[in-house]
Amino acid sequence: MSGCGGPPQPLHPPQRVGLQRALGLRRSAAGLSERAAKMVSMETLTIREAADACGMTYEAMRARVDRGTLRAGKRREDGARMIPKSELQQAGLLPGADVAQLHNEVDRLRRELKEHRLLTERAQSETAAERQARELIEQSMHRERAEKQTLQAQLEQIEQAHVEASSKLEGLTDAGFFARRRILRELRRSAA
C-alpha cells in the first residue's frame, strides 16, 4: 500500500488477494468476485475493472493496452482508459466469452432454423394447393372427355339416321303410291 500523502500504488497479487479478503469479496464458483461479475455486465470497463473481471493483475492488463493488443479509449470526465467489453470477449480474456459466443451462434442457428421451417411450411402448403388444382383440372378433363365421347356417339347415331332418312327420301321419289305410304310410316315411327 502507499505511504501517507503519496499517490496510491498499484496492488501486487498478494496484496490484492488480501484486499479482496479484507473487503469481504468472495470468489464465485467460476473464480470471479461478485464485484467482478457486476463489472462484466457493463459495456466498457476501466483497466482495473477489466483486470478484475478477467482474473488478471492490473499490470498485465495495462501492459496489453500499452502494447496495443487490447483497444482502449479514454473517458471524457477523468481521462481513464476504458476497454470495451466486446474487446475482452474477442481476445478470449473474459470468462464465459466462449459461452456467450456459443449462445449467440445457437440463437442465430435457431433463427435460421425457424426461417427454414417457415419456408418449408410455405412450400408444402403451395405444393398441396398445386396438387389440389391439378386434381381438379384432371377431373374436369375426364368429364369433358366423357362428354365428348357421348356427344360423338350421339352424332354418329344422328348421322346414321340422316343417311337412312336420305336414302328413304330418295326412294320416295321413285316409289309408287303404296310404297310411298309405307316409307312415310317408317319415317314417322323413326322420328317418334
Protein backbone atom coordinates (compact mmCIF):
# COMPACT_ATOMS: atom_id res chain seq x y z
CA MET A 1 0.00 0.00 0.00
CA SER A 2 1.11 3.60 -0.23
CA GLY A 3 2.51 5.76 2.50
CA CYS A 4 0.67 8.75 3.87
CA GLY A 5 0.16 11.59 1.43
CA GLY A 6 1.54 9.80 -1.65
CA PRO A 7 -0.49 8.57 -4.62
CA PRO A 8 -1.84 5.04 -4.28
CA GLN A 9 0.47 2.43 -5.70
CA PRO A 10 -0.86 -0.48 -7.77
CA LEU A 11 -1.61 -3.58 -5.79
CA HIS A 12 0.57 -6.60 -6.31
CA PRO A 13 -1.08 -10.00 -6.49
CA PRO A 14 -0.58 -10.97 -2.81
CA GLN A 15 -1.82 -7.57 -1.59
CA ARG A 16 -4.75 -7.75 -3.97
CA VAL A 17 -5.98 -11.07 -2.64
CA GLY A 18 -5.57 -9.71 0.89
CA LEU A 19 -7.56 -6.62 -0.02
CA GLN A 20 -10.35 -8.72 -1.50
CA ARG A 21 -10.50 -10.76 1.66
CA ALA A 22 -10.42 -7.59 3.77
CA LEU A 23 -13.30 -6.12 1.79
CA GLY A 24 -15.26 -9.36 2.14
CA LEU A 25 -15.35 -10.13 -1.56
CA ARG A 26 -15.71 -13.85 -2.13
CA ARG A 27 -14.91 -15.66 -5.32
CA SER A 28 -17.75 -17.44 -7.08
CA ALA A 29 -17.57 -20.95 -8.47
CA ALA A 30 -16.19 -19.52 -11.72
CA GLY A 31 -13.36 -17.85 -9.79
CA LEU A 32 -14.66 -14.27 -10.05
CA SER A 33 -15.58 -11.99 -7.22
CA GLU A 34 -19.14 -10.67 -7.03
CA ARG A 35 -17.85 -7.19 -7.86
CA ALA A 36 -16.04 -8.56 -10.92
CA ALA A 37 -19.23 -10.33 -12.03
CA LYS A 38 -21.10 -7.00 -11.88
CA MET A 39 -18.38 -5.32 -13.93
CA VAL A 40 -18.68 -7.97 -16.66
CA SER A 41 -22.25 -6.80 -17.31
CA MET A 42 -21.06 -3.23 -18.15
CA GLU A 43 -20.31 -2.23 -21.76
CA THR A 44 -16.91 -0.62 -21.05
CA LEU A 45 -14.54 -1.24 -18.19
CA THR A 46 -11.57 0.62 -16.76
CA ILE A 47 -8.25 -1.18 -16.88
CA ARG A 48 -8.58 -2.15 -13.20
CA GLU A 49 -12.18 -3.34 -13.65
CA ALA A 50 -11.18 -5.31 -16.76
CA ALA A 51 -8.30 -6.90 -14.87
CA ASP A 52 -10.63 -7.89 -12.02
CA ALA A 53 -13.27 -9.20 -14.43
CA CYS A 54 -10.71 -11.28 -16.33
CA GLY A 55 -8.89 -12.52 -13.23
CA MET A 56 -5.64 -10.82 -14.21
CA THR A 57 -3.40 -8.33 -12.49
CA TYR A 58 -3.72 -4.64 -13.20
CA GLU A 59 -0.18 -4.57 -14.57
CA ALA A 60 -0.81 -7.41 -17.05
CA MET A 61 -3.98 -5.75 -18.32
CA ARG A 62 -2.29 -2.33 -18.59
CA ALA A 63 0.61 -3.94 -20.48
CA ARG A 64 -1.82 -5.40 -23.02
CA VAL A 65 -3.41 -1.97 -23.52
CA ASP A 66 0.00 -0.28 -23.79
CA ARG A 67 1.18 -2.87 -26.34
CA GLY A 68 -1.99 -2.34 -28.35
CA THR A 69 -3.21 -5.93 -28.15
CA LEU A 70 -6.35 -4.55 -26.50
CA ARG A 71 -8.14 -1.50 -27.85
CA ALA A 72 -8.96 1.17 -25.25
CA GLY A 73 -10.45 4.65 -25.37
CA LYS A 74 -10.35 7.47 -22.84
CA ARG A 75 -13.28 8.52 -20.71
CA ARG A 76 -14.01 12.22 -21.13
CA GLU A 77 -14.65 13.05 -17.48
CA ASP A 78 -11.41 11.88 -15.91
CA GLY A 79 -9.32 10.59 -18.81
CA ALA A 80 -9.35 6.99 -17.54
CA ARG A 81 -8.73 4.44 -20.26
CA MET A 82 -11.82 2.33 -20.97
CA ILE A 83 -11.78 -1.11 -22.57
CA PRO A 84 -14.91 -2.25 -24.42
CA LYS A 85 -16.32 -5.50 -23.10
CA SER A 86 -16.50 -6.81 -26.67
CA GLU A 87 -12.72 -6.35 -26.97
CA LEU A 88 -12.16 -8.57 -23.94
CA GLN A 89 -14.56 -11.16 -25.36
CA GLN A 90 -12.79 -11.16 -28.74
CA ALA A 91 -9.44 -11.62 -27.03
CA GLY A 92 -10.92 -14.54 -25.07
CA LEU A 93 -9.95 -12.95 -21.76
CA LEU A 94 -13.44 -12.58 -20.35
CA PRO A 95 -14.67 -15.72 -18.60
CA GLY A 96 -17.68 -17.09 -20.38
CA ALA A 97 -16.79 -15.32 -23.65
CA ASP A 98 -16.80 -18.67 -25.43
CA VAL A 99 -20.14 -19.48 -23.84
CA ALA A 100 -21.56 -16.12 -24.96
CA GLN A 101 -20.31 -16.73 -28.49
CA LEU A 102 -21.84 -20.20 -28.43
CA HIS A 103 -25.14 -18.76 -27.18
CA ASN A 104 -25.07 -16.20 -29.99
CA GLU A 105 -24.34 -18.94 -32.52
CA VAL A 106 -27.14 -21.11 -31.11
CA ASP A 107 -29.55 -18.17 -31.26
CA ARG A 108 -28.51 -17.45 -34.86
CA LEU A 109 -28.97 -21.11 -35.79
CA ARG A 110 -32.38 -21.19 -34.09
CA ARG A 111 -33.49 -18.14 -36.05
CA GLU A 112 -32.19 -19.71 -39.25
CA LEU A 113 -33.97 -22.99 -38.44
CA LYS A 114 -37.20 -21.10 -37.79
CA GLU A 115 -36.88 -19.35 -41.16
CA HIS A 116 -36.25 -22.68 -42.88
CA ARG A 117 -39.25 -24.23 -41.15
CA LEU A 118 -41.42 -21.34 -42.33
CA LEU A 119 -40.10 -21.73 -45.87
CA THR A 120 -40.73 -25.48 -45.72
CA GLU A 121 -44.28 -24.99 -44.43
CA ARG A 122 -44.95 -22.39 -47.13
CA ALA A 123 -43.57 -24.71 -49.83
CA GLN A 124 -45.65 -27.61 -48.51
CA SER A 125 -48.85 -25.53 -48.50
CA GLU A 126 -48.10 -24.27 -52.03
CA THR A 127 -47.44 -27.85 -53.15
CA ALA A 128 -50.72 -29.01 -51.60
CA ALA A 129 -52.61 -26.18 -53.33
CA GLU A 130 -50.97 -27.02 -56.66
CA ARG A 131 -51.77 -30.72 -56.18
CA GLN A 132 -55.41 -29.89 -55.45
CA ALA A 133 -55.61 -27.61 -58.50
CA ARG A 134 -54.07 -30.34 -60.68
CA GLU A 135 -56.61 -32.88 -59.38
CA LEU A 136 -59.48 -30.50 -60.17
CA ILE A 137 -58.12 -29.94 -63.68
CA GLU A 138 -57.76 -33.69 -64.23
CA GLN A 139 -61.34 -34.29 -63.05
CA SER A 140 -62.57 -31.57 -65.39
CA MET A 141 -60.60 -33.08 -68.28
CA HIS A 142 -62.07 -36.55 -67.59
CA ARG A 143 -65.60 -35.11 -67.54
CA GLU A 144 -65.03 -33.23 -70.78
CA ARG A 145 -63.55 -36.33 -72.41
CA ALA A 146 -66.58 -38.40 -71.35
CA GLU A 147 -68.98 -35.71 -72.62
CA LYS A 148 -67.07 -35.56 -75.90
CA GLN A 149 -67.30 -39.34 -76.33
CA THR A 150 -71.02 -39.27 -75.52
CA LEU A 151 -71.65 -36.44 -77.97
CA GLN A 152 -69.58 -38.19 -80.63
CA ALA A 153 -71.63 -41.36 -80.22
CA GLN A 154 -74.86 -39.34 -80.46
CA LEU A 155 -73.55 -37.56 -83.56
CA GLU A 156 -72.75 -40.89 -85.19
CA GLN A 157 -76.30 -42.12 -84.44
CA ILE A 158 -77.79 -38.92 -85.87
CA GLU A 159 -75.60 -39.16 -88.99
CA GLN A 160 -76.61 -42.81 -89.42
CA ALA A 161 -80.29 -41.83 -89.08
CA HIS A 162 -79.72 -38.99 -91.56
CA VAL A 163 -78.17 -41.35 -94.08
CA GLU A 164 -81.06 -43.78 -93.67
CA ALA A 165 -83.64 -40.97 -93.92
CA SER A 166 -81.91 -39.55 -97.01
CA SER A 167 -81.93 -42.94 -98.74
CA LYS A 168 -85.60 -43.41 -97.87
CA LEU A 169 -86.43 -39.93 -99.20
CA GLU A 170 -84.65 -40.75 -102.43
CA GLY A 171 -86.62 -43.97 -102.65
CA LEU A 172 -89.78 -41.98 -102.00
CA THR A 173 -89.49 -40.07 -105.26
CA ASP A 174 -89.19 -43.23 -107.37
CA ALA A 175 -91.75 -45.32 -105.44
CA GLY A 176 -95.39 -45.83 -106.23
CA PHE A 177 -98.35 -44.83 -104.12
CA PHE A 178 -98.34 -47.76 -101.66
CA ALA A 179 -94.57 -47.79 -101.34
CA ARG A 180 -94.65 -44.10 -100.50
CA ARG A 181 -97.21 -44.67 -97.75
CA ARG A 182 -95.11 -47.45 -96.28
CA ILE A 183 -91.90 -45.31 -96.37
CA LEU A 184 -93.70 -42.33 -94.77
CA ARG A 185 -94.99 -44.59 -91.97
CA GLU A 186 -91.45 -45.84 -91.31
CA LEU A 187 -90.12 -42.27 -91.27
CA ARG A 188 -92.82 -41.23 -88.77
CA ARG A 189 -92.01 -44.19 -86.47
CA SER A 190 -88.28 -43.46 -86.54
CA ALA A 191 -88.87 -39.75 -85.81
CA ALA A 192 -91.03 -40.53 -82.77
